Amino acid sequence: MSNLLSQLKAVTTVVVDSGDLTAIEQFRPVDATTNPSLLLNASQLDFAKPMLKAAVSYAKAKATTTAAQLELACDKFAVDVGTAISKLVPGRVSTEVDARLSFDTAATVAKALQLVALYQENGVSTERILIKIASTWEGIQAARQLEQQGIQCNLTLLFHMAQARACAEAGVYLISPFVGRILDWYKASTGQDYSSETDPGVVSVREIYRFYKQHGFKTVVMGASFRNTGEVLALAGCDRLTISPALLAELDQMQGELTVHLKDNGASSAAPAQLSQSQFRWALNEDAMATEKLAEGIRKFAIDQRKLEQRIQQAF
């Protein structure tokens, strides 16, 4: 019998959640995702150090002000890491828009177009990348515009069905509901432990998956932010799962028969009326977990983005 990772790959597209080329090469996923935290970690690895210097040289040649050079160097570094990853995976690489733009639709669109242009300069086509955006109302509307231009998006920091519905209604290509961060909140709030079947993050993703399939939405569901292999295995059959190298290594060593929990049985009912902005905001407001984790996630990514800027600034 094959290990659980091999069995999982047979029913779910496995994506590696890492900026580490060695880990990506080891596990050979279909796709890969990055974010400011992963890029910050990658910037300390040997393979990335020349990229940092190259990004700074590029920015100095292209931008005139110090602020513009730093911003461009960060974008160039993210894209160069993504380009290197794209050579190791057959599918797509997700590259994230600066979290500080999460409440500005126009700025998010502009940043996404900049990232796409940098990828194209590197010879990476639009079909190989996903633009990663926080699942705020403004971010979702930016994704709507980008999708209409043929630029596909990965909506991240997703904790609530309202976010999932709005993304699907906007025609977003893919969403990344954060399983582990939901579990973190409930464990801290209730003091309880949860099994894989009662894990609130697992339950949330299962509900989103079934809602999408029931109503015929084409948006891809990619579970993310896992805390343990139990959460991963409890979502076997999901469209995609993005998994850290540490958990991939565990799954690679685990034996047993995989149980498939999610299956697409086809659409059985028409989609409900689209959420309005006020309905979206009220639904989030009514859910303390979703409100707090979305805000916290944006803050943490912004902190790591600033740390990455500081590291790149040292190379100027």
C-alpha atoms as a PDB file:
ATOM      1  CA  MET A   1       0.000   0.000   0.000  1.00  0.00           C
ATOM      2  CA  SER A   2       1.335   3.451  -0.905  1.00  0.00           C
ATOM      3  CA  ASN A   3       1.855   6.135   1.731  1.00  0.00           C
ATOM      4  CA  LEU A   4      -0.877   8.626   2.581  1.00  0.00           C
ATOM      5  CA  LEU A   5       0.756  11.464   0.650  1.00  0.00           C
ATOM      6  CA  SER A   6       0.701   9.435  -2.563  1.00  0.00           C
ATOM      7  CA  GLN A   7      -2.929   8.469  -1.965  1.00  0.00           C
ATOM      8  CA  LEU A   8      -3.824  12.094  -1.217  1.00  0.00           C
ATOM      9  CA  LYS A   9      -2.224  13.248  -4.475  1.00  0.00           C
ATOM     10  CA  ALA A  10      -4.515  10.827  -6.323  1.00  0.00           C
ATOM     11  CA  VAL A  11      -7.691  12.579  -5.113  1.00  0.00           C
ATOM     12  CA  THR A  12      -6.544  16.163  -4.384  1.00  0.00           C
ATOM     13  CA  THR A  13      -4.125  18.529  -6.095  1.00  0.00           C
ATOM     14  CA  VAL A  14      -1.310  18.972  -3.574  1.00  0.00           C
ATOM     15  CA  VAL A  15       0.333  22.399  -3.372  1.00  0.00           C
ATOM     16  CA  VAL A  16       3.423  23.200  -1.301  1.00  0.00           C
ATOM     17  CA  ASP A  17       3.198  26.218   0.998  1.00  0.00           C
ATOM     18  CA  SER A  18       6.808  27.363   0.905  1.00  0.00           C
ATOM     19  CA  GLY A  19       9.386  29.625  -0.655  1.00  0.00           C
ATOM     20  CA  ASP A  20      12.135  27.051  -0.124  1.00  0.00           C
ATOM     21  CA  LEU A  21      13.272  25.629  -3.466  1.00  0.00           C
ATOM     22  CA  THR A  22      14.782  22.543  -1.832  1.00  0.00           C
ATOM     23  CA  ALA A  23      11.472  21.591  -0.209  1.00  0.00           C
ATOM     24  CA  ILE A  24       9.559  22.220  -3.427  1.00  0.00           C
ATOM     25  CA  GLU A  25      11.984  20.086  -5.407  1.00  0.00           C
ATOM     26  CA  GLN A  26      11.731  17.301  -2.814  1.00  0.00           C
ATOM     27  CA  PHE A  27       7.941  16.996  -2.799  1.00  0.00           C
ATOM     28  CA  ARG A  28       7.237  17.934  -6.426  1.00  0.00           C
ATOM     29  CA  PRO A  29       3.795  19.502  -5.939  1.00  0.00           C
ATOM     30  CA  VAL A  30       1.602  20.649  -8.824  1.00  0.00           C
ATOM     31  CA  ASP A  31       1.463  24.270  -7.612  1.00  0.00           C
ATOM     32  CA  ALA A  32       3.203  26.420  -4.996  1.00  0.00           C
ATOM     33  CA  THR A  33       2.119  29.358  -2.856  1.00  0.00           C
ATOM     34  CA  THR A  34       4.139  32.151  -1.273  1.00  0.00           C
ATOM     35  CA  ASN A  35       3.331  35.029   1.065  1.00  0.00           C
ATOM     36  CA  PRO A  36       5.347  37.791   2.787  1.00  0.00           C
ATOM     37  CA  SER A  37       6.183  35.523   5.736  1.00  0.00           C
ATOM     38  CA  LEU A  38       7.494  32.762   3.469  1.00  0.00           C
ATOM     39  CA  LEU A  39       9.442  35.259   1.357  1.00  0.00           C
ATOM     40  CA  LEU A  40      10.984  36.701   4.513  1.00  0.00           C
ATOM     41  CA  ASN A  41      12.140  33.212   5.489  1.00  0.00           C
ATOM     42  CA  ALA A  42      13.349  32.517   1.953  1.00  0.00           C
ATOM     43  CA  SER A  43      15.415  35.716   1.922  1.00  0.00           C
ATOM     44  CA  GLN A  44      17.742  34.130   4.483  1.00  0.00           C
ATOM     45  CA  LEU A  45      18.431  31.049   2.341  1.00  0.00           C
ATOM     46  CA  ASP A  46      21.490  30.781   0.117  1.00  0.00           C
ATOM     47  CA  PHE A  47      19.569  30.509  -3.148  1.00  0.00           C
ATOM     48  CA  ALA A  48      17.791  33.816  -2.517  1.00  0.00           C
ATOM     49  CA  LYS A  49      20.737  36.012  -1.566  1.00  0.00           C
ATOM     50  CA  PRO A  50      21.800  36.691  -5.166  1.00  0.00           C
ATOM     51  CA  MET A  51      18.156  37.423  -5.971  1.00  0.00           C
ATOM     52  CA  LEU A  52      18.084  40.106  -3.285  1.00  0.00           C
ATOM     53  CA  LYS A  53      21.100  41.841  -4.791  1.00  0.00           C
ATOM     54  CA  ALA A  54      19.721  41.497  -8.315  1.00  0.00           C
ATOM     55  CA  ALA A  55      16.365  42.946  -7.225  1.00  0.00           C
ATOM     56  CA  VAL A  56      18.088  45.978  -5.723  1.00  0.00           C
ATOM     57  CA  SER A  57      20.162  46.571  -8.871  1.00  0.00           C
ATOM     58  CA  TYR A  58      17.035  46.259 -10.996  1.00  0.00           C
ATOM     59  CA  ALA A  59      15.106  48.726  -8.842  1.00  0.00           C
ATOM     60  CA  LYS A  60      17.931  51.269  -8.853  1.00  0.00           C
ATOM     61  CA  ALA A  61      17.996  51.194 -12.640  1.00  0.00           C
ATOM     62  CA  LYS A  62      14.220  51.476 -13.059  1.00  0.00           C
ATOM     63  CA  ALA A  63      12.991  53.798 -10.273  1.00  0.00           C
ATOM     64  CA  THR A  64      14.122  57.289  -9.333  1.00  0.00           C
ATOM     65  CA  THR A  65      13.078  57.842  -5.709  1.00  0.00           C
ATOM     66  CA  THR A  66      14.290  55.834  -2.727  1.00  0.00           C
ATOM     67  CA  ALA A  67      10.737  54.818  -1.785  1.00  0.00           C
ATOM     68  CA  ALA A  68       9.917  53.675  -5.316  1.00  0.00           C
ATOM     69  CA  GLN A  69      13.180  51.720  -5.522  1.00  0.00           C
ATOM     70  CA  LEU A  70      12.459  49.863  -2.286  1.00  0.00           C
ATOM     71  CA  GLU A  71       8.912  48.999  -3.365  1.00  0.00           C
ATOM     72  CA  LEU A  72      10.084  47.800  -6.769  1.00  0.00           C
ATOM     73  CA  ALA A  73      12.932  45.771  -5.255  1.00  0.00           C
ATOM     74  CA  CYS A  74      10.450  43.946  -3.002  1.00  0.00           C
ATOM     75  CA  ASP A  75       8.172  43.187  -5.943  1.00  0.00           C
ATOM     76  CA  LYS A  76      11.099  42.058  -8.082  1.00  0.00           C
ATOM     77  CA  PHE A  77      12.407  39.764  -5.336  1.00  0.00           C
ATOM     78  CA  ALA A  78       8.971  38.170  -4.867  1.00  0.00           C
ATOM     79  CA  VAL A  79       8.638  37.615  -8.610  1.00  0.00           C
ATOM     80  CA  ASP A  80      12.174  36.255  -8.999  1.00  0.00           C
ATOM     81  CA  VAL A  81      11.547  33.726  -6.205  1.00  0.00           C
ATOM     82  CA  GLY A  82       8.242  32.862  -7.867  1.00  0.00           C
ATOM     83  CA  THR A  83       9.994  32.476 -11.211  1.00  0.00           C
ATOM     84  CA  ALA A  84      12.503  30.045  -9.705  1.00  0.00           C
ATOM     85  CA  ILE A  85       9.632  28.078  -8.171  1.00  0.00           C
ATOM     86  CA  SER A  86       7.792  28.009 -11.509  1.00  0.00           C
ATOM     87  CA  LYS A  87      10.678  26.021 -12.961  1.00  0.00           C
ATOM     88  CA  LEU A  88      10.082  23.278 -10.373  1.00  0.00           C
ATOM     89  CA  VAL A  89       6.285  22.939 -10.583  1.00  0.00           C
ATOM     90  CA  PRO A  90       4.140  22.203 -13.640  1.00  0.00           C
ATOM     91  CA  GLY A  91       1.280  24.384 -12.441  1.00  0.00           C
ATOM     92  CA  ARG A  92       0.931  27.828 -10.906  1.00  0.00           C
ATOM     93  CA  VAL A  93       2.754  29.979  -8.389  1.00  0.00           C
ATOM     94  CA  SER A  94       0.803  32.327  -6.108  1.00  0.00           C
ATOM     95  CA  THR A  95       2.392  35.709  -5.387  1.00  0.00           C
ATOM     96  CA  GLU A  96       0.806  38.025  -2.847  1.00  0.00           C
ATOM     97  CA  VAL A  97      -0.135  41.690  -3.105  1.00  0.00           C
ATOM     98  CA  ASP A  98       1.167  43.868  -0.244  1.00  0.00           C
ATOM     99  CA  ALA A  99      -1.243  43.345   2.682  1.00  0.00           C
ATOM    100  CA  ARG A 100      -1.216  47.091   3.356  1.00  0.00           C
ATOM    101  CA  LEU A 101      -3.309  47.505   0.199  1.00  0.00           C
ATOM    102  CA  SER A 102      -6.056  45.193   1.483  1.00  0.00           C
ATOM    103  CA  PHE A 103      -8.641  47.984   1.742  1.00  0.00           C
ATOM    104  CA  ASP A 104      -7.794  49.772  -1.521  1.00  0.00           C
ATOM    105  CA  THR A 105      -9.285  48.209  -4.653  1.00  0.00           C
ATOM    106  CA  ALA A 106      -7.528  50.456  -7.188  1.00  0.00           C
ATOM    107  CA  ALA A 107      -4.116  50.089  -5.523  1.00  0.00           C
ATOM    108  CA  THR A 108      -4.521  46.310  -5.356  1.00  0.00           C
ATOM    109  CA  VAL A 109      -5.291  46.146  -9.075  1.00  0.00           C
ATOM    110  CA  ALA A 110      -2.289  48.362  -9.869  1.00  0.00           C
ATOM    111  CA  LYS A 111       0.037  46.229  -7.749  1.00  0.00           C
ATOM    112  CA  ALA A 112      -1.265  43.037  -9.358  1.00  0.00           C
ATOM    113  CA  LEU A 113      -0.599  44.436 -12.833  1.00  0.00           C
ATOM    114  CA  GLN A 114       2.920  45.367 -11.740  1.00  0.00           C
ATOM    115  CA  LEU A 115       3.586  41.813 -10.529  1.00  0.00           C
ATOM    116  CA  VAL A 116       2.201  40.357 -13.752  1.00  0.00           C
ATOM    117  CA  ALA A 117       4.436  42.667 -15.812  1.00  0.00           C
ATOM    118  CA  LEU A 118       7.509  41.607 -13.838  1.00  0.00           C
ATOM    119  CA  TYR A 119       6.649  37.943 -14.370  1.00  0.00           C
ATOM    120  CA  GLN A 120       6.243  38.558 -18.089  1.00  0.00           C
ATOM    121  CA  GLU A 121       9.693  40.196 -18.170  1.00  0.00           C
ATOM    122  CA  ASN A 122      11.007  36.947 -16.696  1.00  0.00           C
ATOM    123  CA  GLY A 123       9.278  34.932 -19.407  1.00  0.00           C
ATOM    124  CA  VAL A 124       6.567  33.565 -17.101  1.00  0.00           C
ATOM    125  CA  SER A 125       3.117  33.783 -18.680  1.00  0.00           C
ATOM    126  CA  THR A 126      -0.015  34.927 -16.889  1.00  0.00           C
ATOM    127  CA  GLU A 127      -1.357  31.371 -17.061  1.00  0.00           C
ATOM    128  CA  ARG A 128       1.413  30.204 -14.703  1.00  0.00           C
ATOM    129  CA  ILE A 129       0.683  32.635 -11.853  1.00  0.00           C
ATOM    130  CA  LEU A 130      -2.049  33.503  -9.387  1.00  0.00           C
ATOM    131  CA  ILE A 131      -2.270  36.915  -7.758  1.00  0.00           C
ATOM    132  CA  LYS A 132      -2.881  36.442  -4.046  1.00  0.00           C
ATOM    133  CA  ILE A 133      -5.166  38.989  -2.365  1.00  0.00           C
ATOM    134  CA  ALA A 134      -6.727  39.253   1.101  1.00  0.00           C
ATOM    135  CA  SER A 135     -10.456  38.408   1.164  1.00  0.00           C
ATOM    136  CA  THR A 136     -11.664  41.852   2.203  1.00  0.00           C
ATOM    137  CA  TRP A 137     -14.581  43.373   0.291  1.00  0.00           C
ATOM    138  CA  GLU A 138     -12.125  45.687  -1.466  1.00  0.00           C
ATOM    139  CA  GLY A 139      -9.789  42.814  -2.274  1.00  0.00           C
ATOM    140  CA  ILE A 140     -12.608  40.732  -3.715  1.00  0.00           C
ATOM    141  CA  GLN A 141     -13.704  43.618  -5.948  1.00  0.00           C
ATOM    142  CA  ALA A 142     -10.102  44.021  -7.136  1.00  0.00           C
ATOM    143  CA  ALA A 143     -10.060  40.320  -7.967  1.00  0.00           C
ATOM    144  CA  ARG A 144     -13.317  40.734  -9.898  1.00  0.00           C
ATOM    145  CA  GLN A 145     -11.639  43.368 -12.095  1.00  0.00           C
ATOM    146  CA  LEU A 146      -8.476  41.318 -12.547  1.00  0.00           C
ATOM    147  CA  GLU A 147     -10.367  38.154 -13.459  1.00  0.00           C
ATOM    148  CA  GLN A 148     -12.229  40.151 -16.134  1.00  0.00           C
ATOM    149  CA  GLN A 149      -8.803  41.078 -17.556  1.00  0.00           C
ATOM    150  CA  GLY A 150      -7.719  37.449 -17.658  1.00  0.00           C
ATOM    151  CA  ILE A 151      -5.551  37.632 -14.534  1.00  0.00           C
ATOM    152  CA  GLN A 152      -6.556  34.843 -12.184  1.00  0.00           C
ATOM    153  CA  CYS A 153      -6.496  35.289  -8.421  1.00  0.00           C
ATOM    154  CA  ASN A 154      -6.059  33.394  -5.167  1.00  0.00           C
ATOM    155  CA  LEU A 155      -8.125  34.989  -2.383  1.00  0.00           C
ATOM    156  CA  THR A 156      -6.433  34.364   0.945  1.00  0.00           C
ATOM    157  CA  LEU A 157      -7.126  35.019   4.653  1.00  0.00           C
ATOM    158  CA  LEU A 158     -10.560  33.506   4.205  1.00  0.00           C
ATOM    159  CA  PHE A 159     -12.405  32.500   7.387  1.00  0.00           C
ATOM    160  CA  HIS A 160     -16.148  32.821   6.668  1.00  0.00           C
ATOM    161  CA  MET A 161     -18.792  31.628   4.246  1.00  0.00           C
ATOM    162  CA  ALA A 162     -19.624  35.241   3.349  1.00  0.00           C
ATOM    163  CA  GLN A 163     -16.078  35.700   2.065  1.00  0.00           C
ATOM    164  CA  ALA A 164     -16.324  32.443   0.119  1.00  0.00           C
ATOM    165  CA  ARG A 165     -19.682  33.409  -1.403  1.00  0.00           C
ATOM    166  CA  ALA A 166     -18.493  36.875  -2.416  1.00  0.00           C
ATOM    167  CA  CYS A 167     -15.383  35.383  -4.031  1.00  0.00           C
ATOM    168  CA  ALA A 168     -17.392  32.888  -6.062  1.00  0.00           C
ATOM    169  CA  GLU A 169     -19.879  35.573  -7.070  1.00  0.00           C
ATOM    170  CA  ALA A 170     -16.979  37.747  -8.249  1.00  0.00           C
ATOM    171  CA  GLY A 171     -15.708  34.942 -10.473  1.00  0.00           C
ATOM    172  CA  VAL A 172     -12.508  34.409  -8.494  1.00  0.00           C
ATOM    173  CA  TYR A 173     -10.411  31.481  -9.706  1.00  0.00           C
ATOM    174  CA  LEU A 174      -9.356  30.107  -6.302  1.00  0.00           C
ATOM    175  CA  ILE A 175      -9.851  30.673  -2.575  1.00  0.00           C
ATOM    176  CA  SER A 176      -7.596  29.684   0.346  1.00  0.00           C
ATOM    177  CA  PRO A 177      -9.680  29.124   3.504  1.00  0.00           C
ATOM    178  CA  PHE A 178      -7.349  29.056   6.539  1.00  0.00           C
ATOM    179  CA  VAL A 179      -8.078  25.853   8.444  1.00  0.00           C
ATOM    180  CA  GLY A 180      -5.479  26.055  11.216  1.00  0.00           C
ATOM    181  CA  ARG A 181      -6.022  29.691  12.118  1.00  0.00           C
ATOM    182  CA  ILE A 182      -9.728  28.986  12.651  1.00  0.00           C
ATOM    183  CA  LEU A 183      -8.778  26.120  14.967  1.00  0.00           C
ATOM    184  CA  ASP A 184      -6.316  28.390  16.808  1.00  0.00           C
ATOM    185  CA  TRP A 185      -9.064  30.908  17.571  1.00  0.00           C
ATOM    186  CA  TYR A 186     -11.548  28.337  18.839  1.00  0.00           C
ATOM    187  CA  LYS A 187      -8.989  26.554  21.017  1.00  0.00           C
ATOM    188  CA  ALA A 188      -7.965  29.865  22.587  1.00  0.00           C
ATOM    189  CA  SER A 189     -11.583  30.964  22.967  1.00  0.00           C
ATOM    190  CA  THR A 190     -13.079  27.756  24.375  1.00  0.00           C
ATOM    191  CA  GLY A 191     -10.096  25.983  25.918  1.00  0.00           C
ATOM    192  CA  GLN A 192     -11.268  22.797  24.215  1.00  0.00           C
ATOM    193  CA  ASP A 193      -9.431  20.287  22.078  1.00  0.00           C
ATOM    194  CA  TYR A 194     -10.998  19.183  18.817  1.00  0.00           C
ATOM    195  CA  SER A 195     -10.841  15.981  16.800  1.00  0.00           C
ATOM    196  CA  SER A 196     -10.323  16.139  13.057  1.00  0.00           C
ATOM    197  CA  GLU A 197     -14.060  15.667  12.570  1.00  0.00           C
ATOM    198  CA  THR A 198     -15.077  18.465  14.954  1.00  0.00           C
ATOM    199  CA  ASP A 199     -12.209  20.825  14.050  1.00  0.00           C
ATOM    200  CA  PRO A 200     -13.950  24.163  13.244  1.00  0.00           C
ATOM    201  CA  GLY A 201     -11.513  24.867  10.411  1.00  0.00           C
ATOM    202  CA  VAL A 202     -12.195  21.505   8.790  1.00  0.00           C
ATOM    203  CA  VAL A 203     -15.952  21.970   9.223  1.00  0.00           C
ATOM    204  CA  SER A 204     -15.752  25.431   7.610  1.00  0.00           C
ATOM    205  CA  VAL A 205     -13.912  24.211   4.509  1.00  0.00           C
ATOM    206  CA  ARG A 206     -16.254  21.243   4.102  1.00  0.00           C
ATOM    207  CA  GLU A 207     -19.234  23.604   4.202  1.00  0.00           C
ATOM    208  CA  ILE A 208     -17.685  25.935   1.631  1.00  0.00           C
ATOM    209  CA  TYR A 209     -16.773  23.030  -0.669  1.00  0.00           C
ATOM    210  CA  ARG A 210     -20.288  21.586  -0.526  1.00  0.00           C
ATOM    211  CA  PHE A 211     -21.887  25.005  -1.047  1.00  0.00           C
ATOM    212  CA  TYR A 212     -19.789  25.609  -4.157  1.00  0.00           C
ATOM    213  CA  LYS A 213     -20.472  22.214  -5.667  1.00  0.00           C
ATOM    214  CA  GLN A 214     -24.188  22.268  -4.790  1.00  0.00           C
ATOM    215  CA  HIS A 215     -24.673  25.605  -6.539  1.00  0.00           C
ATOM    216  CA  GLY A 216     -22.338  25.007  -9.459  1.00  0.00           C
ATOM    217  CA  PHE A 217     -19.681  27.588  -8.602  1.00  0.00           C
ATOM    218  CA  LYS A 218     -16.418  26.994 -10.478  1.00  0.00           C
ATOM    219  CA  THR A 219     -14.120  28.673  -7.924  1.00  0.00           C
ATOM    220  CA  VAL A 220     -11.451  26.244  -6.715  1.00  0.00           C
ATOM    221  CA  VAL A 221     -11.338  25.491  -2.967  1.00  0.00           C
ATOM    222  CA  MET A 222      -7.795  25.145  -1.626  1.00  0.00           C
ATOM    223  CA  GLY A 223      -7.567  24.445   2.096  1.00  0.00           C
ATOM    224  CA  ALA A 224      -4.579  26.182   3.712  1.00  0.00           C
ATOM    225  CA  SER A 225      -2.826  26.915   7.007  1.00  0.00           C
ATOM    226  CA  PHE A 226      -2.831  23.417   8.487  1.00  0.00           C
ATOM    227  CA  ARG A 227      -1.726  22.651  12.039  1.00  0.00           C
ATOM    228  CA  ASN A 228      -1.532  18.859  11.784  1.00  0.00           C
ATOM    229  CA  THR A 229      -1.901  15.974   9.357  1.00  0.00           C
ATOM    230  CA  GLY A 230      -5.314  15.132  10.772  1.00  0.00           C
ATOM    231  CA  GLU A 231      -6.714  18.373   9.358  1.00  0.00           C
ATOM    232  CA  VAL A 232      -5.165  17.621   5.970  1.00  0.00           C
ATOM    233  CA  LEU A 233      -6.512  14.072   5.810  1.00  0.00           C
ATOM    234  CA  ALA A 234      -9.965  15.212   6.948  1.00  0.00           C
ATOM    235  CA  LEU A 235     -10.165  17.293   3.749  1.00  0.00           C
ATOM    236  CA  ALA A 236      -9.063  14.552   1.349  1.00  0.00           C
ATOM    237  CA  GLY A 237     -10.934  15.076  -1.905  1.00  0.00           C
ATOM    238  CA  CYS A 238     -10.922  18.867  -1.662  1.00  0.00           C
ATOM    239  CA  ASP A 239     -10.000  20.541  -4.966  1.00  0.00           C
ATOM    240  CA  ARG A 240      -6.554  21.504  -3.652  1.00  0.00           C
ATOM    241  CA  LEU A 241      -4.664  21.591  -0.378  1.00  0.00           C
ATOM    242  CA  THR A 242      -1.599  23.774   0.215  1.00  0.00           C
ATOM    243  CA  ILE A 243       0.612  22.066   2.786  1.00  0.00           C
ATOM    244  CA  SER A 244       3.845  22.982   4.563  1.00  0.00           C
ATOM    245  CA  PRO A 245       6.986  20.918   3.864  1.00  0.00           C
ATOM    246  CA  ALA A 246       6.971  19.621   7.474  1.00  0.00           C
ATOM    247  CA  LEU A 247       3.471  18.167   7.139  1.00  0.00           C
ATOM    248  CA  LEU A 248       4.225  16.826   3.660  1.00  0.00           C
ATOM    249  CA  ALA A 249       7.175  14.959   5.155  1.00  0.00           C
ATOM    250  CA  GLU A 250       4.929  13.467   7.843  1.00  0.00           C
ATOM    251  CA  LEU A 251       2.335  12.368   5.292  1.00  0.00           C
ATOM    252  CA  ASP A 252       5.077  10.838   3.174  1.00  0.00           C
ATOM    253  CA  GLN A 253       5.963   8.550   6.114  1.00  0.00           C
ATOM    254  CA  MET A 254       2.391   7.630   7.074  1.00  0.00           C
ATOM    255  CA  GLN A 255       0.838   4.331   5.995  1.00  0.00           C
ATOM    256  CA  GLY A 256      -2.812   3.308   5.924  1.00  0.00           C
ATOM    257  CA  GLU A 257      -5.858   3.594   3.723  1.00  0.00           C
ATOM    258  CA  LEU A 258      -6.982   7.130   2.885  1.00  0.00           C
ATOM    259  CA  THR A 259     -10.652   8.012   3.402  1.00  0.00           C
ATOM    260  CA  VAL A 260     -11.989  10.503   0.845  1.00  0.00           C
ATOM    261  CA  HIS A 261     -14.259  12.966   2.649  1.00  0.00           C
ATOM    262  CA  LEU A 262     -15.180  15.402  -0.128  1.00  0.00           C
ATOM    263  CA  LYS A 263     -16.671  14.538  -3.521  1.00  0.00           C
ATOM    264  CA  ASP A 264     -18.202  16.703  -6.220  1.00  0.00           C
ATOM    265  CA  ASN A 265     -21.671  15.321  -6.891  1.00  0.00           C
ATOM    266  CA  GLY A 266     -22.612  18.096  -9.308  1.00  0.00           C
ATOM    267  CA  ALA A 267     -24.895  21.095  -8.976  1.00  0.00           C
ATOM    268  CA  SER A 268     -28.293  20.384  -7.465  1.00  0.00           C
ATOM    269  CA  SER A 269     -29.759  23.863  -6.977  1.00  0.00           C
ATOM    270  CA  ALA A 270     -29.499  27.397  -8.317  1.00  0.00           C
ATOM    271  CA  ALA A 271     -27.142  29.844  -6.667  1.00  0.00           C
ATOM    272  CA  PRO A 272     -28.721  32.291  -4.175  1.00  0.00           C
ATOM    273  CA  ALA A 273     -28.894  36.024  -4.845  1.00  0.00           C
ATOM    274  CA  GLN A 274     -25.517  37.719  -4.672  1.00  0.00           C
ATOM    275  CA  LEU A 275     -24.370  39.224  -1.386  1.00  0.00           C
ATOM    276  CA  SER A 276     -24.394  43.000  -1.172  1.00  0.00           C
ATOM    277  CA  GLN A 277     -21.521  44.866   0.415  1.00  0.00           C
ATOM    278  CA  SER A 278     -23.600  45.605   3.511  1.00  0.00           C
ATOM    279  CA  GLN A 279     -24.638  41.952   3.862  1.00  0.00           C
ATOM    280  CA  PHE A 280     -21.006  40.872   3.503  1.00  0.00           C
ATOM    281  CA  ARG A 281     -19.775  43.306   6.131  1.00  0.00           C
ATOM    282  CA  TRP A 282     -22.581  42.468   8.551  1.00  0.00           C
ATOM    283  CA  ALA A 283     -21.947  38.726   8.265  1.00  0.00           C
ATOM    284  CA  LEU A 284     -18.273  39.251   9.113  1.00  0.00           C
ATOM    285  CA  ASN A 285     -19.150  41.629  11.926  1.00  0.00           C
ATOM    286  CA  GLU A 286     -21.396  38.991  13.470  1.00  0.00           C
ATOM    287  CA  ASP A 287     -18.570  36.431  13.543  1.00  0.00           C
ATOM    288  CA  ALA A 288     -15.875  37.380  16.057  1.00  0.00           C
ATOM    289  CA  MET A 289     -13.501  34.691  14.838  1.00  0.00           C
ATOM    290  CA  ALA A 290     -13.627  35.762  11.187  1.00  0.00           C
ATOM    291  CA  THR A 291     -13.363  39.459  12.042  1.00  0.00           C
ATOM    292  CA  GLU A 292     -10.413  38.997  14.386  1.00  0.00           C
ATOM    293  CA  LYS A 293      -8.486  36.494  12.262  1.00  0.00           C
ATOM    294  CA  LEU A 294      -8.869  38.534   9.060  1.00  0.00           C
ATOM    295  CA  ALA A 295      -7.586  41.673  10.785  1.00  0.00           C
ATOM    296  CA  GLU A 296      -4.806  39.791  12.540  1.00  0.00           C
ATOM    297  CA  GLY A 297      -3.719  38.057   9.343  1.00  0.00           C
ATOM    298  CA  ILE A 298      -3.479  41.339   7.441  1.00  0.00           C
ATOM    299  CA  ARG A 299      -1.475  42.898  10.284  1.00  0.00           C
ATOM    300  CA  LYS A 300       0.932  39.940  10.470  1.00  0.00           C
ATOM    301  CA  PHE A 301       1.549  39.879   6.729  1.00  0.00           C
ATOM    302  CA  ALA A 302       2.119  43.645   6.813  1.00  0.00           C
ATOM    303  CA  ILE A 303       4.641  43.239   9.638  1.00  0.00           C
ATOM    304  CA  ASP A 304       6.562  40.606   7.675  1.00  0.00           C
ATOM    305  CA  GLN A 305       6.397  42.763   4.547  1.00  0.00           C
ATOM    306  CA  ARG A 306       8.045  45.599   6.476  1.00  0.00           C
ATOM    307  CA  LYS A 307      10.690  43.189   7.805  1.00  0.00           C
ATOM    308  CA  LEU A 308      11.371  42.053   4.247  1.00  0.00           C
ATOM    309  CA  GLU A 309      11.732  45.681   3.196  1.00  0.00           C
ATOM    310  CA  GLN A 310      14.248  46.235   5.980  1.00  0.00           C
ATOM    311  CA  ARG A 311      16.255  43.227   4.836  1.00  0.00           C
ATOM    312  CA  ILE A 312      16.223  44.381   1.219  1.00  0.00           C
ATOM    313  CA  GLN A 313      17.078  47.922   2.282  1.00  0.00           C
ATOM    314  CA  GLN A 314      20.307  46.585   3.791  1.00  0.00           C
ATOM    315  CA  ALA A 315      21.318  45.468   0.292  1.00  0.00           C
ATOM    316  CA  PHE A 316      21.032  49.006  -1.154  1.00  0.00           C
END
